[in-house]
């Protein structure tokens, strides 16, 4: 049976979508609690727009792993060295925002993959504990089970998606519909549900599948998540910890005051 760190790769090849929670609040136990909820297959730790720093993420990863689930941090823009540190801490994959060029993709991949595929340096001591692997086995197999997601969220990235997908060490693209709507409208609108964005979402998925790679996407709610799953996305991030908190509070107070 694969460890929680290896479970992401296994889940993505399992023939059904991987549904993830999305955490931006800086308390590590929140990620651990969400990892135990039914239907949540993994937890994304948002270090870009969330208020999670490296220490919060490093503390959250083993709490998520204790629930038998993989953790997938989203790093801040261009902080590729942080990707290596998070993988050392036991992350199962990394989402990198604003990958707009082939050079961006190559730099990202170089920090996620060990030589000869990349340039990640050695030091995954927490990851060894979480995987139960011996050092030589981890070094030999990690490139095969750790997943790199290059975010496509601009017109520039969408135009270059085939070239980005062709980069050795990029396992998947990840679509950010909100930023993509801003990019496609040249800053005129925030419309993640618009026709042009929906067409781009379908195009990105088709190009990923044509390249033999994976595609993930963010969904603000369950209905949109179900739509993306039906379209064929391999990984769908659903809502956020704050959205779950608000929805739960609203439902409970509605019942209490009915």
C-alpha atoms as a PDB file:
ATOM      1  CA  UNK A   1       0.000   0.000   0.000  1.00  0.00           C
ATOM      2  CA  UNK A   2       1.488   3.386  -0.950  1.00  0.00           C
ATOM      3  CA  UNK A   3       2.259   5.976   1.709  1.00  0.00           C
ATOM      4  CA  UNK A   4       0.278   9.212   1.871  1.00  0.00           C
ATOM      5  CA  UNK A   5       3.056  10.904  -0.097  1.00  0.00           C
ATOM      6  CA  UNK A   6       2.844   8.310  -2.857  1.00  0.00           C
ATOM      7  CA  UNK A   7      -0.970   8.249  -2.776  1.00  0.00           C
ATOM      8  CA  UNK A   8      -1.344  11.338  -4.973  1.00  0.00           C
ATOM      9  CA  UNK A   9       0.298   9.700  -7.977  1.00  0.00           C
ATOM     10  CA  UNK A  10      -1.687   6.522  -7.358  1.00  0.00           C
ATOM     11  CA  UNK A  11      -4.939   8.462  -7.097  1.00  0.00           C
ATOM     12  CA  UNK A  12      -4.312  10.468 -10.241  1.00  0.00           C
ATOM     13  CA  UNK A  13      -3.854   7.253 -12.193  1.00  0.00           C
ATOM     14  CA  UNK A  14      -6.901   5.609 -10.640  1.00  0.00           C
ATOM     15  CA  UNK A  15      -9.466   6.589 -13.252  1.00  0.00           C
ATOM     16  CA  UNK A  16     -11.507   9.008 -11.146  1.00  0.00           C
ATOM     17  CA  UNK A  17     -10.948  12.644 -10.166  1.00  0.00           C
ATOM     18  CA  UNK A  18      -8.892  13.478  -7.105  1.00  0.00           C
ATOM     19  CA  UNK A  19     -10.836  16.029  -5.033  1.00  0.00           C
ATOM     20  CA  UNK A  20      -8.806  18.293  -2.785  1.00  0.00           C
ATOM     21  CA  UNK A  21      -9.591  20.727  -0.026  1.00  0.00           C
ATOM     22  CA  UNK A  22      -7.946  24.151  -0.328  1.00  0.00           C
ATOM     23  CA  UNK A  23      -6.396  25.683   2.788  1.00  0.00           C
ATOM     24  CA  UNK A  24      -5.212  29.255   3.217  1.00  0.00           C
ATOM     25  CA  UNK A  25      -5.670  29.769   6.957  1.00  0.00           C
ATOM     26  CA  UNK A  26      -2.380  29.528   8.866  1.00  0.00           C
ATOM     27  CA  UNK A  27      -3.420  27.009  11.543  1.00  0.00           C
ATOM     28  CA  UNK A  28      -1.943  23.605  10.517  1.00  0.00           C
ATOM     29  CA  UNK A  29      -4.608  21.615  12.361  1.00  0.00           C
ATOM     30  CA  UNK A  30      -7.289  22.950   9.980  1.00  0.00           C
ATOM     31  CA  UNK A  31      -5.617  21.097   7.109  1.00  0.00           C
ATOM     32  CA  UNK A  32      -5.405  17.996   9.286  1.00  0.00           C
ATOM     33  CA  UNK A  33      -9.103  18.152  10.166  1.00  0.00           C
ATOM     34  CA  UNK A  34     -10.176  18.665   6.553  1.00  0.00           C
ATOM     35  CA  UNK A  35      -8.029  15.724   5.458  1.00  0.00           C
ATOM     36  CA  UNK A  36     -10.243  13.473   7.576  1.00  0.00           C
ATOM     37  CA  UNK A  37     -13.494  14.536   5.915  1.00  0.00           C
ATOM     38  CA  UNK A  38     -15.189  11.993   3.646  1.00  0.00           C
ATOM     39  CA  UNK A  39     -14.630  12.612  -0.044  1.00  0.00           C
ATOM     40  CA  UNK A  40     -11.518  14.747   0.393  1.00  0.00           C
ATOM     41  CA  UNK A  41      -8.621  12.918  -1.238  1.00  0.00           C
ATOM     42  CA  UNK A  42      -5.860  15.486  -0.648  1.00  0.00           C
ATOM     43  CA  UNK A  43      -5.260  18.967   0.757  1.00  0.00           C
ATOM     44  CA  UNK A  44      -3.779  21.963  -1.054  1.00  0.00           C
ATOM     45  CA  UNK A  45      -1.831  24.395   1.149  1.00  0.00           C
ATOM     46  CA  UNK A  46      -2.011  27.849  -0.419  1.00  0.00           C
ATOM     47  CA  UNK A  47       1.202  29.803   0.185  1.00  0.00           C
ATOM     48  CA  UNK A  48       0.499  32.269  -2.631  1.00  0.00           C
ATOM     49  CA  UNK A  49      -2.779  33.962  -1.696  1.00  0.00           C
ATOM     50  CA  UNK A  50      -3.319  32.219   1.632  1.00  0.00           C
ATOM     51  CA  UNK A  51      -1.495  33.251   4.802  1.00  0.00           C
ATOM     52  CA  UNK A  52       0.378  29.966   5.152  1.00  0.00           C
ATOM     53  CA  UNK A  53       4.152  30.335   5.443  1.00  0.00           C
ATOM     54  CA  UNK A  54       6.788  27.619   5.176  1.00  0.00           C
ATOM     55  CA  UNK A  55       6.661  26.690   8.870  1.00  0.00           C
ATOM     56  CA  UNK A  56       2.851  26.399   8.806  1.00  0.00           C
ATOM     57  CA  UNK A  57       3.064  24.215   5.697  1.00  0.00           C
ATOM     58  CA  UNK A  58       5.797  21.999   7.149  1.00  0.00           C
ATOM     59  CA  UNK A  59       3.668  21.469  10.262  1.00  0.00           C
ATOM     60  CA  UNK A  60       0.501  20.808   8.254  1.00  0.00           C
ATOM     61  CA  UNK A  61       2.021  18.175   5.960  1.00  0.00           C
ATOM     62  CA  UNK A  62       2.420  15.433   8.621  1.00  0.00           C
ATOM     63  CA  UNK A  63      -1.050  16.206  10.031  1.00  0.00           C
ATOM     64  CA  UNK A  64      -2.532  15.647   6.585  1.00  0.00           C
ATOM     65  CA  UNK A  65      -0.385  12.525   6.209  1.00  0.00           C
ATOM     66  CA  UNK A  66      -1.680  11.217   9.554  1.00  0.00           C
ATOM     67  CA  UNK A  67      -5.124  11.116   7.926  1.00  0.00           C
ATOM     68  CA  UNK A  68      -3.629   9.045   5.108  1.00  0.00           C
ATOM     69  CA  UNK A  69      -3.865  11.901   2.615  1.00  0.00           C
ATOM     70  CA  UNK A  70      -1.277  13.733   0.479  1.00  0.00           C
ATOM     71  CA  UNK A  71      -0.511  17.434   0.884  1.00  0.00           C
ATOM     72  CA  UNK A  72       0.068  19.660  -2.158  1.00  0.00           C
ATOM     73  CA  UNK A  73       1.430  23.139  -1.418  1.00  0.00           C
ATOM     74  CA  UNK A  74       1.005  26.007  -3.860  1.00  0.00           C
ATOM     75  CA  UNK A  75       4.200  28.029  -3.635  1.00  0.00           C
ATOM     76  CA  UNK A  76       4.474  31.816  -4.027  1.00  0.00           C
ATOM     77  CA  UNK A  77       5.238  33.126  -7.519  1.00  0.00           C
ATOM     78  CA  UNK A  78       8.762  32.143  -8.730  1.00  0.00           C
ATOM     79  CA  UNK A  79       9.838  30.804  -5.307  1.00  0.00           C
ATOM     80  CA  UNK A  80      10.945  27.550  -6.882  1.00  0.00           C
ATOM     81  CA  UNK A  81      13.538  26.758  -4.202  1.00  0.00           C
ATOM     82  CA  UNK A  82      10.651  26.540  -1.737  1.00  0.00           C
ATOM     83  CA  UNK A  83       9.304  23.636  -3.797  1.00  0.00           C
ATOM     84  CA  UNK A  84      12.356  21.526  -2.951  1.00  0.00           C
ATOM     85  CA  UNK A  85      12.068  22.321   0.760  1.00  0.00           C
ATOM     86  CA  UNK A  86       8.387  21.377   0.798  1.00  0.00           C
ATOM     87  CA  UNK A  87       9.084  18.080  -0.955  1.00  0.00           C
ATOM     88  CA  UNK A  88      11.792  17.435   1.636  1.00  0.00           C
ATOM     89  CA  UNK A  89       9.103  18.059   4.281  1.00  0.00           C
ATOM     90  CA  UNK A  90       6.888  15.368   2.758  1.00  0.00           C
ATOM     91  CA  UNK A  91       4.689  17.149   0.228  1.00  0.00           C
ATOM     92  CA  UNK A  92       3.308  14.866  -2.479  1.00  0.00           C
ATOM     93  CA  UNK A  93       3.320  17.498  -5.198  1.00  0.00           C
ATOM     94  CA  UNK A  94       3.760  21.188  -5.857  1.00  0.00           C
ATOM     95  CA  UNK A  95       1.556  23.730  -7.626  1.00  0.00           C
ATOM     96  CA  UNK A  96       3.544  26.636  -9.078  1.00  0.00           C
ATOM     97  CA  UNK A  97       1.594  29.773 -10.092  1.00  0.00           C
ATOM     98  CA  UNK A  98       2.163  31.995 -13.111  1.00  0.00           C
ATOM     99  CA  UNK A  99       4.162  29.566 -15.245  1.00  0.00           C
ATOM    100  CA  UNK A 100       4.016  31.645 -18.410  1.00  0.00           C
ATOM    101  CA  UNK A 101       7.011  30.468 -20.432  1.00  0.00           C
ATOM    102  CA  UNK A 102       9.018  27.359 -21.195  1.00  0.00           C
ATOM    103  CA  UNK A 103      11.868  28.801 -19.141  1.00  0.00           C
ATOM    104  CA  UNK A 104       9.534  29.204 -16.145  1.00  0.00           C
ATOM    105  CA  UNK A 105       8.487  25.569 -16.545  1.00  0.00           C
ATOM    106  CA  UNK A 106      12.080  24.354 -16.818  1.00  0.00           C
ATOM    107  CA  UNK A 107      13.156  26.242 -13.701  1.00  0.00           C
ATOM    108  CA  UNK A 108      10.203  24.892 -11.741  1.00  0.00           C
ATOM    109  CA  UNK A 109      10.825  21.311 -12.869  1.00  0.00           C
ATOM    110  CA  UNK A 110      14.510  21.561 -11.994  1.00  0.00           C
ATOM    111  CA  UNK A 111      13.663  22.131  -8.322  1.00  0.00           C
ATOM    112  CA  UNK A 112      11.081  19.328  -8.171  1.00  0.00           C
ATOM    113  CA  UNK A 113      12.986  16.484  -9.831  1.00  0.00           C
ATOM    114  CA  UNK A 114      16.240  14.838  -8.791  1.00  0.00           C
ATOM    115  CA  UNK A 115      19.077  14.430 -11.332  1.00  0.00           C
ATOM    116  CA  UNK A 116      19.317  13.522 -14.091  1.00  0.00           C
ATOM    117  CA  UNK A 117      15.792  14.831 -14.776  1.00  0.00           C
ATOM    118  CA  UNK A 118      16.206  17.933 -12.616  1.00  0.00           C
ATOM    119  CA  UNK A 119      18.541  19.572 -10.120  1.00  0.00           C
ATOM    120  CA  UNK A 120      16.824  18.996  -6.777  1.00  0.00           C
ATOM    121  CA  UNK A 121      19.450  18.558  -4.084  1.00  0.00           C
ATOM    122  CA  UNK A 122      19.440  15.866  -1.417  1.00  0.00           C
ATOM    123  CA  UNK A 123      17.903  16.291   2.046  1.00  0.00           C
ATOM    124  CA  UNK A 124      14.384  14.762   2.236  1.00  0.00           C
ATOM    125  CA  UNK A 125      14.624  13.555   5.826  1.00  0.00           C
ATOM    126  CA  UNK A 126      10.992  14.208   6.905  1.00  0.00           C
ATOM    127  CA  UNK A 127       9.823  12.737   3.589  1.00  0.00           C
ATOM    128  CA  UNK A 128      11.788   9.567   4.292  1.00  0.00           C
ATOM    129  CA  UNK A 129       9.885   9.195   7.560  1.00  0.00           C
ATOM    130  CA  UNK A 130       6.488   9.765   5.926  1.00  0.00           C
ATOM    131  CA  UNK A 131       7.143   7.415   3.009  1.00  0.00           C
ATOM    132  CA  UNK A 132       8.984   4.735   4.968  1.00  0.00           C
ATOM    133  CA  UNK A 133      11.478   4.497   2.114  1.00  0.00           C
ATOM    134  CA  UNK A 134      15.200   4.017   2.467  1.00  0.00           C
ATOM    135  CA  UNK A 135      17.295   6.884   1.058  1.00  0.00           C
ATOM    136  CA  UNK A 136      18.437   5.024  -2.059  1.00  0.00           C
ATOM    137  CA  UNK A 137      14.891   3.909  -2.864  1.00  0.00           C
ATOM    138  CA  UNK A 138      13.456   7.396  -2.343  1.00  0.00           C
ATOM    139  CA  UNK A 139      16.118   8.880  -4.621  1.00  0.00           C
ATOM    140  CA  UNK A 140      15.432   6.246  -7.261  1.00  0.00           C
ATOM    141  CA  UNK A 141      11.627   6.515  -7.218  1.00  0.00           C
ATOM    142  CA  UNK A 142      10.673  10.043  -6.083  1.00  0.00           C
ATOM    143  CA  UNK A 143      10.690  11.567  -9.566  1.00  0.00           C
ATOM    144  CA  UNK A 144       8.060   9.019 -10.485  1.00  0.00           C
ATOM    145  CA  UNK A 145       5.582   9.707  -7.676  1.00  0.00           C
ATOM    146  CA  UNK A 146       5.985  13.414  -6.849  1.00  0.00           C
ATOM    147  CA  UNK A 147       3.776  15.572  -9.066  1.00  0.00           C
ATOM    148  CA  UNK A 148       4.545  19.026 -10.484  1.00  0.00           C
ATOM    149  CA  UNK A 149       1.608  21.238 -11.504  1.00  0.00           C
ATOM    150  CA  UNK A 150       2.385  24.276 -13.677  1.00  0.00           C
ATOM    151  CA  UNK A 151      -0.385  26.856 -13.368  1.00  0.00           C
ATOM    152  CA  UNK A 152      -1.824  28.161 -16.630  1.00  0.00           C
ATOM    153  CA  UNK A 153      -3.627  31.381 -15.782  1.00  0.00           C
ATOM    154  CA  UNK A 154      -2.644  33.928 -18.440  1.00  0.00           C
ATOM    155  CA  UNK A 155      -3.118  34.361 -22.175  1.00  0.00           C
ATOM    156  CA  UNK A 156       0.637  33.956 -22.600  1.00  0.00           C
ATOM    157  CA  UNK A 157       0.655  30.596 -20.819  1.00  0.00           C
ATOM    158  CA  UNK A 158      -2.396  29.361 -22.711  1.00  0.00           C
ATOM    159  CA  UNK A 159      -0.744  30.225 -26.022  1.00  0.00           C
ATOM    160  CA  UNK A 160       2.333  28.212 -24.964  1.00  0.00           C
ATOM    161  CA  UNK A 161       0.578  25.347 -23.228  1.00  0.00           C
ATOM    162  CA  UNK A 162       1.895  22.658 -25.593  1.00  0.00           C
ATOM    163  CA  UNK A 163       5.480  23.809 -25.074  1.00  0.00           C
ATOM    164  CA  UNK A 164       5.009  23.997 -21.302  1.00  0.00           C
ATOM    165  CA  UNK A 165       3.532  20.498 -21.230  1.00  0.00           C
ATOM    166  CA  UNK A 166       6.468  19.231 -23.288  1.00  0.00           C
ATOM    167  CA  UNK A 167       8.993  20.236 -20.606  1.00  0.00           C
ATOM    168  CA  UNK A 168      10.560  17.180 -19.001  1.00  0.00           C
ATOM    169  CA  UNK A 169       9.615  17.180 -15.332  1.00  0.00           C
ATOM    170  CA  UNK A 170       6.269  18.950 -15.731  1.00  0.00           C
ATOM    171  CA  UNK A 171       3.632  16.373 -14.849  1.00  0.00           C
ATOM    172  CA  UNK A 172       0.508  18.494 -15.148  1.00  0.00           C
ATOM    173  CA  UNK A 173      -1.043  21.870 -15.742  1.00  0.00           C
ATOM    174  CA  UNK A 174      -3.327  23.503 -13.202  1.00  0.00           C
ATOM    175  CA  UNK A 175      -5.915  26.019 -14.339  1.00  0.00           C
ATOM    176  CA  UNK A 176      -6.760  29.129 -12.328  1.00  0.00           C
ATOM    177  CA  UNK A 177     -10.065  30.299 -13.868  1.00  0.00           C
ATOM    178  CA  UNK A 178     -10.176  33.693 -12.133  1.00  0.00           C
ATOM    179  CA  UNK A 179      -6.721  34.881 -13.191  1.00  0.00           C
ATOM    180  CA  UNK A 180      -7.281  33.304 -16.589  1.00  0.00           C
ATOM    181  CA  UNK A 181     -10.418  35.403 -17.023  1.00  0.00           C
ATOM    182  CA  UNK A 182      -8.435  38.541 -16.198  1.00  0.00           C
ATOM    183  CA  UNK A 183      -5.728  37.589 -18.676  1.00  0.00           C
ATOM    184  CA  UNK A 184      -8.065  36.638 -21.495  1.00  0.00           C
ATOM    185  CA  UNK A 185     -10.047  39.870 -21.093  1.00  0.00           C
ATOM    186  CA  UNK A 186      -6.801  41.879 -20.927  1.00  0.00           C
ATOM    187  CA  UNK A 187      -7.751  43.117 -17.492  1.00  0.00           C
ATOM    188  CA  UNK A 188     -11.290  44.119 -18.390  1.00  0.00           C
ATOM    189  CA  UNK A 189     -13.207  41.544 -16.344  1.00  0.00           C
ATOM    190  CA  UNK A 190     -13.174  38.999 -13.554  1.00  0.00           C
ATOM    191  CA  UNK A 191     -15.459  36.331 -15.009  1.00  0.00           C
ATOM    192  CA  UNK A 192     -14.252  32.783 -14.248  1.00  0.00           C
ATOM    193  CA  UNK A 193     -17.544  31.319 -15.526  1.00  0.00           C
ATOM    194  CA  UNK A 194     -17.561  33.167 -18.861  1.00  0.00           C
ATOM    195  CA  UNK A 195     -17.754  31.530 -22.274  1.00  0.00           C
ATOM    196  CA  UNK A 196     -14.168  32.371 -23.257  1.00  0.00           C
ATOM    197  CA  UNK A 197     -12.811  30.972 -20.002  1.00  0.00           C
ATOM    198  CA  UNK A 198     -14.882  27.804 -20.334  1.00  0.00           C
ATOM    199  CA  UNK A 199     -13.534  27.292 -23.840  1.00  0.00           C
ATOM    200  CA  UNK A 200      -9.989  27.778 -22.530  1.00  0.00           C
ATOM    201  CA  UNK A 201     -10.648  25.290 -19.726  1.00  0.00           C
ATOM    202  CA  UNK A 202     -11.695  22.657 -22.259  1.00  0.00           C
ATOM    203  CA  UNK A 203      -8.739  23.489 -24.519  1.00  0.00           C
ATOM    204  CA  UNK A 204      -6.215  23.151 -21.682  1.00  0.00           C
ATOM    205  CA  UNK A 205      -7.625  19.774 -20.665  1.00  0.00           C
ATOM    206  CA  UNK A 206      -7.523  18.528 -24.248  1.00  0.00           C
ATOM    207  CA  UNK A 207      -3.905  19.639 -24.702  1.00  0.00           C
ATOM    208  CA  UNK A 208      -2.847  17.971 -21.437  1.00  0.00           C
ATOM    209  CA  UNK A 209      -4.476  14.705 -22.441  1.00  0.00           C
ATOM    210  CA  UNK A 210      -2.926  14.913 -25.909  1.00  0.00           C
ATOM    211  CA  UNK A 211       0.481  15.261 -24.248  1.00  0.00           C
ATOM    212  CA  UNK A 212      -0.184  12.264 -22.012  1.00  0.00           C
ATOM    213  CA  UNK A 213      -0.128  14.469 -18.928  1.00  0.00           C
ATOM    214  CA  UNK A 214      -2.530  15.542 -16.198  1.00  0.00           C
ATOM    215  CA  UNK A 215      -4.764  18.555 -15.634  1.00  0.00           C
ATOM    216  CA  UNK A 216      -5.978  20.097 -12.389  1.00  0.00           C
ATOM    217  CA  UNK A 217      -8.274  23.043 -11.752  1.00  0.00           C
ATOM    218  CA  UNK A 218      -9.718  25.176  -8.969  1.00  0.00           C
ATOM    219  CA  UNK A 219     -13.487  25.176  -8.406  1.00  0.00           C
ATOM    220  CA  UNK A 220     -15.096  27.713  -6.044  1.00  0.00           C
ATOM    221  CA  UNK A 221     -17.977  25.427  -5.098  1.00  0.00           C
ATOM    222  CA  UNK A 222     -19.267  21.873  -5.319  1.00  0.00           C
ATOM    223  CA  UNK A 223     -21.403  22.438  -8.393  1.00  0.00           C
ATOM    224  CA  UNK A 224     -18.495  23.794 -10.400  1.00  0.00           C
ATOM    225  CA  UNK A 225     -16.285  20.977  -9.091  1.00  0.00           C
ATOM    226  CA  UNK A 226     -18.773  18.386 -10.338  1.00  0.00           C
ATOM    227  CA  UNK A 227     -18.785  20.082 -13.742  1.00  0.00           C
ATOM    228  CA  UNK A 228     -14.991  19.975 -14.005  1.00  0.00           C
ATOM    229  CA  UNK A 229     -14.934  16.342 -12.898  1.00  0.00           C
ATOM    230  CA  UNK A 230     -17.453  15.412 -15.581  1.00  0.00           C
ATOM    231  CA  UNK A 231     -15.354  17.197 -18.203  1.00  0.00           C
ATOM    232  CA  UNK A 232     -12.465  14.905 -17.320  1.00  0.00           C
ATOM    233  CA  UNK A 233     -10.157  16.908 -15.069  1.00  0.00           C
ATOM    234  CA  UNK A 234      -7.820  14.658 -13.102  1.00  0.00           C
ATOM    235  CA  UNK A 235      -7.617  16.852  -9.980  1.00  0.00           C
ATOM    236  CA  UNK A 236     -10.252  19.309  -8.772  1.00  0.00           C
ATOM    237  CA  UNK A 237      -9.689  21.641  -5.821  1.00  0.00           C
ATOM    238  CA  UNK A 238     -13.012  22.431  -4.142  1.00  0.00           C
ATOM    239  CA  UNK A 239     -13.778  25.680  -2.325  1.00  0.00           C
ATOM    240  CA  UNK A 240     -11.533  26.691   0.568  1.00  0.00           C
ATOM    241  CA  UNK A 241     -11.241  26.294   4.311  1.00  0.00           C
ATOM    242  CA  UNK A 242     -12.811  29.727   4.757  1.00  0.00           C
ATOM    243  CA  UNK A 243     -15.662  28.837   2.389  1.00  0.00           C
ATOM    244  CA  UNK A 244     -16.287  25.602   4.311  1.00  0.00           C
ATOM    245  CA  UNK A 245     -16.293  27.551   7.589  1.00  0.00           C
ATOM    246  CA  UNK A 246     -18.743  30.124   6.285  1.00  0.00           C
ATOM    247  CA  UNK A 247     -21.036  27.525   4.710  1.00  0.00           C
ATOM    248  CA  UNK A 248     -21.095  25.439   7.874  1.00  0.00           C
ATOM    249  CA  UNK A 249     -21.785  28.466  10.055  1.00  0.00           C
ATOM    250  CA  UNK A 250     -24.535  29.690   7.736  1.00  0.00           C
ATOM    251  CA  UNK A 251     -26.234  26.278   7.611  1.00  0.00           C
ATOM    252  CA  UNK A 252     -26.071  25.797  11.367  1.00  0.00           C
ATOM    253  CA  UNK A 253     -27.358  29.277  12.173  1.00  0.00           C
ATOM    254  CA  UNK A 254     -30.140  28.946   9.619  1.00  0.00           C
ATOM    255  CA  UNK A 255     -31.280  25.769  11.359  1.00  0.00           C
ATOM    256  CA  UNK A 256     -30.896  27.338  14.796  1.00  0.00           C
ATOM    257  CA  UNK A 257     -32.962  30.400  13.945  1.00  0.00           C
ATOM    258  CA  UNK A 258     -35.632  28.718  11.795  1.00  0.00           C
END
